[in-house]
Amino acid sequence: MRKIQFPHPDWTSSTTTRRRPPLPLQLALDPPPAGGPRRVETSLHGRVRKAVRDAILSGRLPPGERLPSSRSLAEDLGCARGTILLAIEQLVAEGYLTTRAGSGTRVAETLPDDLLVPRNPGSPARPSPATAVLSRRGAAMASARGDAPPIPDAFALGRPALDAFPRETWARLLQAEWRAGPPSLLHPLGEPRLRRALAAYLSAGRGVACHEEAVIVTSSIRQSLRLLAELLLEPGEAAYMEEPGFPGLAHALHAAGLRTVPVPCDAAGFSIARARSIDPGARLAVVTPAQGHPLGATMSLENRLALLAWAEAQGGWIVEDDYDGEYRYAGRPLAPLHALDRAGRVLYVGSVSKVLMPALQMSYLVLPETLVEPVRRALTGSGGFASILGQGALARFIDEGHFGAHLRRTRRLYGQRQAALVAAGRDLLGGLLEVPPRDGGMHLVARPPAGAAFDDLTAVEACARAGIATTALSPHFADPARAEQGLLLGYACVPERAVIPAVRRMAEALKPRGGTT
């Protein structure tokens, strides 16, 4: 089968008449028969007609689409223009194409009805797509509840204030990077300037003393966790997880072939003594000491020191997920567990995307020196390193002080938005949900009153129908018997003026209607 390409015209918005550069559209021409009588259907113009007709019926050339000129088609096919004109004339006569002076040749808005179905009852119907046969692992991945919130912003979990992002500054820095020339090298560990800038920020702003060689840029915290799990543990080994905790972290560990051990947490956070009483054999602990997800518990100093002592004595590893540790509204942000580590057992992970904008898809690791080279080789071999595009602009963003200024500005902003949500919950959700404040983070936990019948999964669906994005608390518990009911409400992305209307819609959606909410 011979394949040819011709330019596929694309158009800009209605505010301009300038045509964008054409995109290629591939046509497949059936080869002529090796022998036998020559028929119209096997001539070159007949095969061009069939290829264009197939493209129309398959939807690759949608109704109203303009075709390139006959000269362009003839040049691309390497044939006479008359051949193209013959094919087009036949398609016009059949009703597939229309021609109009000044408008060129376009696909007909209404296609011939008799050609959209088989010509006779005896002809075979178009085969249906094959049913996907998934592996057990694939079926589990496909059946898992997605973490992405619905489209509405109120109250999407983990979404920062995009309305506060300094777009003009970011655009200027991106332009400066591209004026200097596109990146000429791929850096598996991240752009050196960004690693240097992150090391300076973490040392001064978060108390994570590190050199640029120890900082690795990744595409997500989950990618970082899976990479570390595969490098440090054998398949089937156990890893401690906080309960409740972020389900995405457990998914990353399972994808690495590990067995997770959920450890119930209280107001003092993760306890290694409690963890070892459940399973003493684990060699990895994944924790969120600053603000446990999703309830916000801060790990006590006693529990921190005990965890560090366990890692040093047992040769264990600690992954510290500091996903939103920058956001504290009472006093200064808490020092990370990494700041207390003297044995090099804490692997620190954080996210730039959660602070600036999710589209960046950029996180980072801080590793002990002994792990930097193994991680470099693993990333180079797998090709799983973060995109280099935007890393130079982010380095400039940090170096010029914009990152620190954005953090200070959003700390104030998020504190105000949290207060607005607490007040609206008190005024509008009485009898339905209680929304207490927190000292930090980017979301609040709304719980039903004691003794009230409440199903958070059903409540999430009801809110979604009202255009409100909420997240159920119960799936954050690995053991359904210990699961608690509630809704997680992300407030960082919701302007104060939008809080009351959103809470009012949520209240209306959650009002009992003859059954359990």
Protein backbone atom coordinates (compact mmCIF):
# COMPACT_ATOMS: atom_id res chain seq x y z
CA MET A 1 0.00 0.00 0.00
CA ARG A 2 1.39 3.35 -1.04
CA LYS A 3 1.07 6.20 1.45
CA ILE A 4 1.21 9.86 0.54
CA GLN A 5 0.83 13.02 2.55
CA PHE A 6 -0.66 16.34 1.61
CA PRO A 7 -1.00 19.52 3.64
CA HIS A 8 -4.03 19.62 5.89
CA PRO A 9 -5.18 23.24 6.32
CA ASP A 10 -5.80 24.55 9.80
CA TRP A 11 -7.30 27.91 10.65
CA THR A 12 -6.81 30.43 13.37
CA SER A 13 -9.63 31.93 15.45
CA SER A 14 -12.27 34.12 13.88
CA THR A 15 -10.39 37.24 14.96
CA THR A 16 -7.86 36.78 12.17
CA THR A 17 -7.81 35.48 8.62
CA ARG A 18 -4.18 34.42 8.70
CA ARG A 19 -3.80 30.71 7.90
CA ARG A 20 -1.65 28.55 10.14
CA PRO A 21 1.03 26.36 8.58
CA PRO A 22 -0.66 23.26 7.09
CA LEU A 23 -0.65 19.98 8.97
CA PRO A 24 0.02 16.70 7.13
CA LEU A 25 -2.83 14.30 6.35
CA GLN A 26 -1.85 10.80 5.32
CA LEU A 27 -3.66 9.01 2.51
CA ALA A 28 -3.17 5.32 1.77
CA LEU A 29 -3.53 4.37 -1.90
CA ASP A 30 -4.26 0.75 -2.70
CA PRO A 31 -1.67 -0.69 -5.11
CA PRO A 32 -2.81 -1.43 -8.67
CA PRO A 33 -3.55 -5.11 -9.44
CA ALA A 34 -0.64 -7.18 -10.77
CA GLY A 35 -2.64 -8.43 -13.73
CA GLY A 36 -6.09 -8.77 -15.20
CA PRO A 37 -8.27 -6.26 -16.99
CA ARG A 38 -7.80 -2.62 -16.04
CA ARG A 39 -10.95 -1.12 -14.51
CA VAL A 40 -11.85 2.42 -13.49
CA GLU A 41 -11.63 1.47 -9.78
CA THR A 42 -7.99 0.47 -10.14
CA SER A 43 -6.85 3.53 -12.08
CA LEU A 44 -4.78 6.15 -10.26
CA HIS A 45 -7.63 8.67 -10.15
CA GLY A 46 -9.96 5.91 -8.90
CA ARG A 47 -7.54 5.02 -6.10
CA VAL A 48 -7.20 8.71 -5.14
CA ARG A 49 -11.01 8.97 -5.03
CA LYS A 50 -11.22 5.89 -2.79
CA ALA A 51 -8.52 7.20 -0.41
CA VAL A 52 -10.26 10.57 0.00
CA ARG A 53 -13.66 8.88 0.40
CA ASP A 54 -12.27 6.58 3.10
CA ALA A 55 -10.78 9.58 4.91
CA ILE A 56 -14.19 11.28 4.85
CA LEU A 57 -16.15 8.26 6.08
CA SER A 58 -13.64 7.53 8.85
CA GLY A 59 -13.90 11.12 10.12
CA ARG A 60 -10.31 12.10 9.36
CA LEU A 61 -11.72 14.70 6.95
CA PRO A 62 -14.70 16.12 8.88
CA PRO A 63 -17.68 17.89 7.28
CA GLY A 64 -16.80 21.38 6.10
CA GLU A 65 -13.06 20.66 5.96
CA ARG A 66 -11.30 22.38 3.08
CA LEU A 67 -9.08 20.29 0.81
CA PRO A 68 -5.74 21.53 -0.49
CA SER A 69 -5.66 22.77 -4.04
CA SER A 70 -5.53 20.29 -6.90
CA ARG A 71 -2.03 21.52 -7.77
CA SER A 72 -0.81 20.79 -4.22
CA LEU A 73 -2.33 17.33 -4.30
CA ALA A 74 -0.87 16.57 -7.71
CA GLU A 75 2.58 17.72 -6.56
CA ASP A 76 2.43 15.57 -3.42
CA LEU A 77 1.24 12.51 -5.36
CA GLY A 78 3.62 12.99 -8.22
CA CYS A 79 0.86 12.79 -10.80
CA ALA A 80 -0.87 15.04 -13.31
CA ARG A 81 -3.29 17.66 -12.04
CA GLY A 82 -5.92 16.21 -14.38
CA THR A 83 -5.83 12.95 -12.40
CA ILE A 84 -6.70 14.84 -9.22
CA LEU A 85 -9.44 16.80 -10.94
CA LEU A 86 -11.06 13.59 -12.20
CA ALA A 87 -11.13 12.14 -8.66
CA ILE A 88 -12.55 15.38 -7.20
CA GLU A 89 -15.23 15.66 -9.91
CA GLN A 90 -16.40 12.13 -9.17
CA LEU A 91 -16.54 12.78 -5.42
CA VAL A 92 -18.52 15.98 -6.03
CA ALA A 93 -20.95 14.08 -8.23
CA GLU A 94 -21.38 11.43 -5.50
CA GLY A 95 -22.10 14.10 -2.87
CA TYR A 96 -18.93 13.75 -0.78
CA LEU A 97 -17.41 17.10 -1.78
CA THR A 98 -18.77 20.52 -2.66
CA THR A 99 -17.16 23.30 -4.64
CA ARG A 100 -17.87 26.99 -4.38
CA ALA A 101 -16.16 29.96 -6.00
CA GLY A 102 -13.80 31.61 -3.53
CA SER A 103 -14.21 28.83 -1.00
CA GLY A 104 -12.40 25.98 -2.68
CA THR A 105 -13.32 22.32 -2.38
CA ARG A 106 -14.75 21.17 0.96
CA VAL A 107 -16.17 18.03 2.49
CA ALA A 108 -19.97 18.07 2.23
CA GLU A 109 -21.83 18.97 5.41
CA THR A 110 -24.31 16.14 4.78
CA LEU A 111 -22.97 12.89 3.38
CA PRO A 112 -24.94 10.50 1.13
CA ASP A 113 -27.17 8.42 3.40
CA ASP A 114 -26.93 5.28 1.31
CA LEU A 115 -23.16 5.20 1.71
CA LEU A 116 -23.17 5.44 5.50
CA VAL A 117 -24.65 1.90 5.76
CA PRO A 118 -23.90 -1.32 3.84
CA ARG A 119 -25.27 -1.22 0.27
CA ASN A 120 -27.23 -4.44 0.66
CA PRO A 121 -28.54 -6.43 3.61
CA GLY A 122 -26.22 -9.30 2.83
CA SER A 123 -23.00 -7.31 3.04
CA PRO A 124 -21.05 -7.65 6.30
CA ALA A 125 -21.38 -4.91 8.90
CA ARG A 126 -18.33 -2.96 9.96
CA PRO A 127 -16.54 -5.00 12.65
CA SER A 128 -16.81 -3.71 16.19
CA PRO A 129 -13.62 -2.71 18.02
CA ALA A 130 -11.88 -5.55 19.79
CA THR A 131 -12.54 -5.85 23.51
CA ALA A 132 -9.47 -4.93 25.54
CA VAL A 133 -8.13 -7.90 27.52
CA LEU A 134 -6.27 -6.55 30.52
CA SER A 135 -3.86 -8.28 32.84
CA ARG A 136 -4.84 -8.55 36.51
CA ARG A 137 -2.53 -5.63 37.23
CA GLY A 138 -4.04 -3.63 34.35
CA ALA A 139 -7.58 -4.37 35.53
CA ALA A 140 -6.68 -3.12 39.01
CA MET A 141 -5.18 0.07 37.55
CA ALA A 142 -8.25 0.68 35.37
CA SER A 143 -10.70 0.10 38.22
CA ALA A 144 -8.93 2.41 40.67
CA ARG A 145 -10.68 5.68 41.43
CA GLY A 146 -8.91 8.51 39.65
CA ASP A 147 -7.20 11.21 41.66
CA ALA A 148 -7.97 14.00 39.21
CA PRO A 149 -10.79 16.20 40.52
CA PRO A 150 -13.75 17.24 38.37
CA ILE A 151 -13.38 20.35 36.25
CA PRO A 152 -14.88 22.92 38.68
CA ASP A 153 -12.32 24.66 40.92
CA ALA A 154 -14.43 24.72 44.10
CA PHE A 155 -13.21 22.75 46.05
CA ALA A 156 -10.63 20.81 44.05
CA LEU A 157 -7.95 19.11 46.13
CA GLY A 158 -4.30 20.01 45.64
CA ARG A 159 -4.94 22.83 43.17
CA PRO A 160 -3.08 26.10 43.86
CA ALA A 161 -4.35 29.63 43.24
CA LEU A 162 -3.81 30.01 39.53
CA ASP A 163 -5.38 33.48 39.73
CA ALA A 164 -2.44 34.54 41.91
CA PHE A 165 0.26 33.10 39.64
CA PRO A 166 2.48 35.85 38.14
CA ARG A 167 1.79 35.02 34.51
CA GLU A 168 3.52 38.05 33.02
CA THR A 169 6.70 37.39 34.95
CA TRP A 170 6.66 33.73 33.99
CA ALA A 171 6.08 34.57 30.32
CA ARG A 172 9.00 37.01 30.37
CA LEU A 173 11.31 34.38 31.85
CA LEU A 174 10.21 31.78 29.31
CA GLN A 175 10.86 34.25 26.50
CA ALA A 176 14.30 35.03 27.91
CA GLU A 177 15.14 31.33 27.95
CA TRP A 178 14.09 30.80 24.36
CA ARG A 179 15.88 33.91 23.15
CA ALA A 180 19.04 32.35 24.58
CA GLY A 181 18.33 29.25 22.49
CA PRO A 182 16.47 25.99 23.13
CA PRO A 183 18.08 23.42 25.44
CA SER A 184 20.78 21.54 23.57
CA LEU A 185 21.28 18.77 26.14
CA LEU A 186 19.07 16.41 28.10
CA HIS A 187 19.87 16.39 31.79
CA PRO A 188 18.58 13.19 33.45
CA LEU A 189 18.99 14.74 36.91
CA GLY A 190 17.58 18.12 35.92
CA GLU A 191 18.90 21.38 34.50
CA PRO A 192 22.01 22.30 36.56
CA ARG A 193 20.82 25.87 37.13
CA LEU A 194 17.52 24.63 38.51
CA ARG A 195 19.20 22.11 40.80
CA ARG A 196 21.42 24.90 42.11
CA ALA A 197 18.45 27.22 42.63
CA LEU A 198 16.40 24.54 44.39
CA ALA A 199 19.33 23.68 46.67
CA ALA A 200 19.66 27.35 47.67
CA TYR A 201 15.92 27.66 48.33
CA LEU A 202 15.67 24.42 50.32
CA SER A 203 18.71 25.26 52.44
CA ALA A 204 17.54 28.78 53.29
CA GLY A 205 13.76 28.42 53.12
CA ARG A 206 13.06 24.89 54.37
CA GLY A 207 16.09 24.02 56.51
CA VAL A 208 17.13 21.18 54.18
CA ALA A 209 20.91 21.59 54.05
CA CYS A 210 21.99 20.23 50.66
CA HIS A 211 24.26 20.82 47.69
CA GLU A 212 23.04 21.03 44.11
CA GLU A 213 24.52 17.58 43.37
CA ALA A 214 22.03 16.06 45.82
CA VAL A 215 18.95 17.62 44.18
CA ILE A 216 17.22 15.60 41.45
CA VAL A 217 14.38 17.04 39.35
CA THR A 218 11.53 14.61 38.62
CA SER A 219 8.11 14.85 37.01
CA SER A 220 6.07 13.97 40.12
CA ILE A 221 6.31 12.84 43.72
CA ARG A 222 4.83 9.49 42.73
CA GLN A 223 7.52 8.99 40.10
CA SER A 224 10.14 9.81 42.71
CA LEU A 225 8.69 7.31 45.18
CA ARG A 226 8.42 4.48 42.68
CA LEU A 227 11.99 5.07 41.50
CA LEU A 228 13.33 4.98 45.07
CA ALA A 229 11.30 1.89 45.94
CA GLU A 230 12.64 0.00 42.92
CA LEU A 231 16.23 0.99 43.68
CA LEU A 232 16.25 0.30 47.41
CA LEU A 233 13.93 -2.67 48.00
CA GLU A 234 13.29 -6.04 46.42
CA PRO A 235 9.86 -6.98 45.02
CA GLY A 236 7.63 -8.30 47.78
CA GLU A 237 9.32 -6.37 50.58
CA ALA A 238 7.20 -4.25 52.91
CA ALA A 239 6.91 -0.48 53.26
CA TYR A 240 5.18 1.41 56.06
CA MET A 241 2.45 3.85 55.04
CA GLU A 242 0.48 6.32 57.12
CA GLU A 243 -3.22 5.57 57.61
CA PRO A 244 -5.05 7.60 56.55
CA GLY A 245 -2.76 8.58 53.71
CA PHE A 246 -2.67 9.65 50.09
CA PRO A 247 -3.78 6.65 47.95
CA GLY A 248 -1.48 7.70 45.10
CA LEU A 249 1.60 6.94 47.18
CA ALA A 250 0.37 3.42 47.90
CA HIS A 251 -0.30 2.94 44.18
CA ALA A 252 3.30 3.96 43.40
CA LEU A 253 4.67 1.45 45.90
CA HIS A 254 2.43 -1.31 44.57
CA ALA A 255 3.59 -0.50 41.03
CA ALA A 256 7.16 -1.01 42.28
CA GLY A 257 6.18 -4.47 43.53
CA LEU A 258 6.17 -3.64 47.23
CA ARG A 259 3.74 -4.68 49.93
CA THR A 260 2.32 -1.77 51.92
CA VAL A 261 1.76 -1.88 55.69
CA PRO A 262 -0.82 0.75 56.75
CA VAL A 263 0.00 2.20 60.17
CA PRO A 264 -2.85 4.01 62.00
CA CYS A 265 -1.79 7.54 62.99
CA ASP A 266 -3.02 9.72 65.83
CA ALA A 267 -2.55 13.39 66.70
CA ALA A 268 1.21 12.78 67.16
CA GLY A 269 1.56 11.44 63.63
CA PHE A 270 3.37 8.30 62.49
CA SER A 271 4.79 6.05 65.24
CA ILE A 272 7.55 3.60 64.35
CA ALA A 273 6.80 1.62 67.53
CA ARG A 274 3.21 1.09 66.36
CA ALA A 275 4.44 0.24 62.87
CA ARG A 276 6.86 -2.44 64.11
CA SER A 277 4.16 -4.00 66.26
CA ILE A 278 2.20 -4.60 63.04
CA ASP A 279 5.10 -5.80 60.87
CA PRO A 280 8.69 -5.62 62.12
CA GLY A 281 10.26 -6.51 58.78
CA ALA A 282 9.72 -3.37 56.69
CA ARG A 283 12.77 -1.36 55.58
CA LEU A 284 11.01 1.72 54.16
CA ALA A 285 8.69 4.26 55.77
CA VAL A 286 6.81 6.89 53.73
CA VAL A 287 5.70 9.75 55.96
CA THR A 288 4.38 13.33 55.85
CA PRO A 289 5.76 14.76 59.12
CA ALA A 290 4.85 18.43 58.59
CA GLN A 291 1.16 17.88 57.79
CA GLY A 292 -0.12 14.35 57.57
CA HIS A 293 -2.37 13.84 54.59
CA PRO A 294 -5.30 14.28 54.75
CA LEU A 295 -6.03 15.06 58.43
CA GLY A 296 -3.10 17.40 58.99
CA ALA A 297 -1.50 15.78 62.07
CA THR A 298 2.05 16.98 62.79
CA MET A 299 4.55 14.30 63.78
CA SER A 300 5.78 14.88 67.32
CA LEU A 301 9.47 15.36 68.07
CA GLU A 302 9.47 12.10 70.03
CA ASN A 303 8.12 10.17 67.06
CA ARG A 304 10.57 11.89 64.70
CA LEU A 305 13.60 10.97 66.78
CA ALA A 306 12.39 7.39 67.22
CA LEU A 307 11.88 7.02 63.46
CA LEU A 308 15.38 8.32 62.73
CA ALA A 309 16.87 5.96 65.32
CA TRP A 310 15.06 3.00 63.71
CA ALA A 311 16.35 3.88 60.24
CA GLU A 312 19.94 4.20 61.45
CA ALA A 313 19.88 1.01 63.53
CA GLN A 314 18.01 -1.19 61.02
CA GLY A 315 19.44 0.19 57.78
CA GLY A 316 16.00 1.46 56.89
CA TRP A 317 15.00 4.34 54.64
CA ILE A 318 12.58 7.20 55.25
CA VAL A 319 10.84 9.02 52.40
CA GLU A 320 9.69 12.41 53.67
CA ASP A 321 6.89 13.81 51.52
CA ASP A 322 6.82 17.56 52.20
CA TYR A 323 4.03 18.15 49.68
CA ASP A 324 2.70 21.41 51.18
CA GLY A 325 4.99 22.02 54.14
CA GLU A 326 5.50 25.64 53.04
CA TYR A 327 1.97 26.57 54.05
CA ARG A 328 1.62 27.29 57.77
CA TYR A 329 -0.66 30.04 59.03
CA ALA A 330 0.30 29.94 62.69
CA GLY A 331 3.99 30.76 63.18
CA ARG A 332 6.80 29.73 60.85
CA PRO A 333 6.70 26.60 58.67
CA LEU A 334 7.93 23.55 60.61
CA ALA A 335 11.44 22.24 59.98
CA PRO A 336 11.46 19.02 57.94
CA LEU A 337 12.51 15.65 59.33
CA HIS A 338 15.50 15.87 56.98
CA ALA A 339 16.92 18.67 59.14
CA LEU A 340 17.31 16.21 62.05
CA ASP A 341 18.88 13.43 59.98
CA ARG A 342 22.58 12.83 60.68
CA ALA A 343 22.91 9.36 59.17
CA GLY A 344 21.72 10.09 55.61
CA ARG A 345 18.61 7.91 55.86
CA VAL A 346 15.97 10.52 54.92
CA LEU A 347 15.04 10.93 51.26
CA TYR A 348 13.26 14.27 50.92
CA VAL A 349 10.66 14.82 48.18
CA GLY A 350 8.71 17.96 47.33
CA SER A 351 6.66 19.48 44.53
CA VAL A 352 6.92 22.75 42.61
CA SER A 353 3.70 22.02 40.72
CA LYS A 354 1.57 22.12 43.88
CA VAL A 355 2.97 25.55 44.75
CA LEU A 356 2.90 27.19 41.30
CA MET A 357 0.72 25.32 38.81
CA PRO A 358 -0.02 21.63 38.10
CA ALA A 359 0.88 21.98 34.40
CA LEU A 360 4.56 22.34 35.33
CA GLN A 361 4.69 18.63 36.25
CA MET A 362 7.86 19.22 38.26
CA SER A 363 8.98 17.80 41.61
CA TYR A 364 12.33 17.15 43.23
CA LEU A 365 14.31 14.72 45.35
CA VAL A 366 17.08 15.43 47.85
CA LEU A 367 19.30 12.36 48.16
CA PRO A 368 22.36 11.27 50.13
CA GLU A 369 25.51 11.33 48.02
CA THR A 370 25.64 7.54 47.72
CA LEU A 371 22.31 7.40 45.86
CA VAL A 372 22.85 10.18 43.30
CA GLU A 373 24.76 8.06 40.76
CA PRO A 374 22.40 5.03 40.96
CA VAL A 375 19.43 7.37 40.44
CA ARG A 376 21.15 9.04 37.48
CA ARG A 377 21.76 5.67 35.82
CA ALA A 378 18.19 4.52 36.50
CA LEU A 379 16.70 7.69 35.02
CA THR A 380 19.00 7.56 32.00
CA GLY A 381 18.17 3.91 31.35
CA SER A 382 14.42 4.32 31.73
CA GLY A 383 14.09 7.69 29.97
CA GLY A 384 11.80 8.75 32.81
CA PHE A 385 13.43 12.07 33.58
CA ALA A 386 11.44 15.29 33.74
CA SER A 387 11.00 17.45 30.66
CA ILE A 388 13.80 20.00 30.39
CA LEU A 389 11.42 22.60 28.95
CA GLY A 390 10.62 25.21 31.55
CA GLN A 391 13.39 24.21 33.93
CA GLY A 392 15.59 27.16 32.94
CA ALA A 393 12.70 29.59 33.43
CA LEU A 394 11.97 28.08 36.85
CA ALA A 395 15.63 28.50 37.82
CA ARG A 396 15.40 32.19 36.92
CA PHE A 397 12.07 32.44 38.77
CA ILE A 398 13.72 31.20 41.96
CA ASP A 399 17.00 33.10 41.56
CA GLU A 400 15.27 36.45 40.96
CA GLY A 401 13.19 36.09 44.13
CA HIS A 402 9.80 35.52 42.48
CA PHE A 403 9.35 32.08 44.05
CA GLY A 404 9.85 33.37 47.59
CA ALA A 405 7.58 36.34 46.92
CA HIS A 406 4.89 34.01 45.54
CA LEU A 407 5.08 31.84 48.65
CA ARG A 408 4.71 34.83 50.96
CA ARG A 409 1.80 36.19 48.92
CA THR A 410 -0.05 32.86 48.75
CA ARG A 411 0.46 32.14 52.47
CA ARG A 412 -1.51 35.30 53.24
CA LEU A 413 -4.03 34.56 50.50
CA TYR A 414 -4.63 30.95 51.55
CA GLY A 415 -5.06 31.99 55.16
CA GLN A 416 -7.79 34.40 54.08
CA ARG A 417 -9.46 31.82 51.84
CA GLN A 418 -9.42 29.22 54.61
CA ALA A 419 -11.04 31.69 57.01
CA ALA A 420 -13.72 32.45 54.40
CA LEU A 421 -14.47 28.74 53.98
CA VAL A 422 -14.68 28.14 57.73
CA ALA A 423 -17.11 31.07 58.12
CA ALA A 424 -19.25 29.94 55.19
CA GLY A 425 -19.37 26.39 56.53
CA ARG A 426 -20.48 27.62 59.92
CA ASP A 427 -23.23 29.78 58.41
CA LEU A 428 -24.47 27.50 55.63
CA LEU A 429 -23.65 23.88 56.50
CA GLY A 430 -25.15 23.70 59.96
CA GLY A 431 -26.48 20.20 60.68
CA LEU A 432 -24.80 18.83 57.55
CA LEU A 433 -21.04 19.24 57.98
CA GLU A 434 -18.64 20.78 60.46
CA VAL A 435 -15.63 22.56 58.93
CA PRO A 436 -12.98 23.35 61.58
CA PRO A 437 -9.88 25.44 60.71
CA ARG A 438 -6.32 24.10 60.43
CA ASP A 439 -2.91 25.61 61.08
CA GLY A 440 -1.66 24.88 57.57
CA GLY A 441 -2.13 23.09 54.28
CA MET A 442 -4.37 23.78 51.30
CA HIS A 443 -7.55 21.93 52.27
CA LEU A 444 -9.96 21.47 55.16
CA VAL A 445 -11.70 18.33 56.39
CA ALA A 446 -15.49 18.64 56.63
CA ARG A 447 -17.08 15.99 58.86
CA PRO A 448 -20.72 15.10 59.55
CA PRO A 449 -22.04 15.74 63.06
CA ALA A 450 -21.60 12.89 65.55
CA GLY A 451 -24.15 10.16 64.95
CA ALA A 452 -25.36 11.53 61.60
CA ALA A 453 -25.90 9.13 58.71
CA PHE A 454 -23.45 10.10 55.98
CA ASP A 455 -21.83 8.39 52.97
CA ASP A 456 -18.96 10.49 51.64
CA LEU A 457 -18.80 8.70 48.28
CA THR A 458 -22.48 9.46 47.67
CA ALA A 459 -21.92 13.02 48.87
CA VAL A 460 -19.07 13.52 46.39
CA GLU A 461 -21.37 12.47 43.53
CA ALA A 462 -24.13 14.79 44.74
CA CYS A 463 -21.72 17.72 44.93
CA ALA A 464 -20.35 16.94 41.47
CA ARG A 465 -23.86 17.15 40.01
CA ALA A 466 -24.06 20.63 41.55
CA GLY A 467 -20.74 21.62 39.96
CA ILE A 468 -18.69 21.30 43.16
CA ALA A 469 -15.50 19.22 43.28
CA THR A 470 -15.02 17.46 46.62
CA THR A 471 -12.93 14.45 47.66
CA ALA A 472 -14.12 11.65 49.92
CA LEU A 473 -12.16 10.99 53.10
CA SER A 474 -12.94 7.27 53.47
CA PRO A 475 -10.79 6.01 50.52
CA HIS A 476 -7.72 7.40 52.30
CA PHE A 477 -8.05 4.53 54.78
CA ALA A 478 -6.64 1.18 53.63
CA ASP A 479 -8.81 -0.72 56.11
CA PRO A 480 -12.55 -0.09 55.50
CA ALA A 481 -13.23 -1.03 59.13
CA ARG A 482 -11.20 2.00 60.26
CA ALA A 483 -12.47 4.36 57.56
CA GLU A 484 -13.89 7.69 58.67
CA GLN A 485 -16.50 9.71 56.81
CA GLY A 486 -15.93 13.23 55.57
CA LEU A 487 -15.17 15.51 52.64
CA LEU A 488 -11.85 17.13 51.76
CA LEU A 489 -12.34 20.71 50.57
CA GLY A 490 -9.48 22.39 48.73
CA TYR A 491 -9.73 26.13 49.26
CA ALA A 492 -6.46 27.43 47.78
CA CYS A 493 -7.92 27.73 44.28
CA VAL A 494 -11.21 29.38 45.31
CA PRO A 495 -11.37 33.21 45.41
CA GLU A 496 -13.07 34.58 48.52
CA ARG A 497 -15.96 36.01 46.50
CA ALA A 498 -16.72 32.50 45.17
CA VAL A 499 -16.66 30.69 48.52
CA ILE A 500 -20.17 31.53 49.76
CA PRO A 501 -21.94 30.69 46.43
CA ALA A 502 -20.02 27.41 46.23
CA VAL A 503 -20.82 26.41 49.82
CA ARG A 504 -24.46 27.34 49.27
CA ARG A 505 -24.62 25.01 46.24
CA MET A 506 -22.92 22.29 48.25
CA ALA A 507 -25.39 22.68 51.10
CA GLU A 508 -28.31 22.39 48.70
CA ALA A 509 -26.79 19.27 47.13
CA LEU A 510 -26.25 17.59 50.51
CA LYS A 511 -29.69 18.23 52.00
CA PRO A 512 -31.36 14.89 52.81
CA ARG A 513 -34.00 13.83 50.31
CA GLY A 514 -35.56 10.84 51.96
CA GLY A 515 -32.33 8.83 52.23
CA THR A 516 -28.74 8.82 53.42
CA THR A 517 -26.69 11.82 52.31
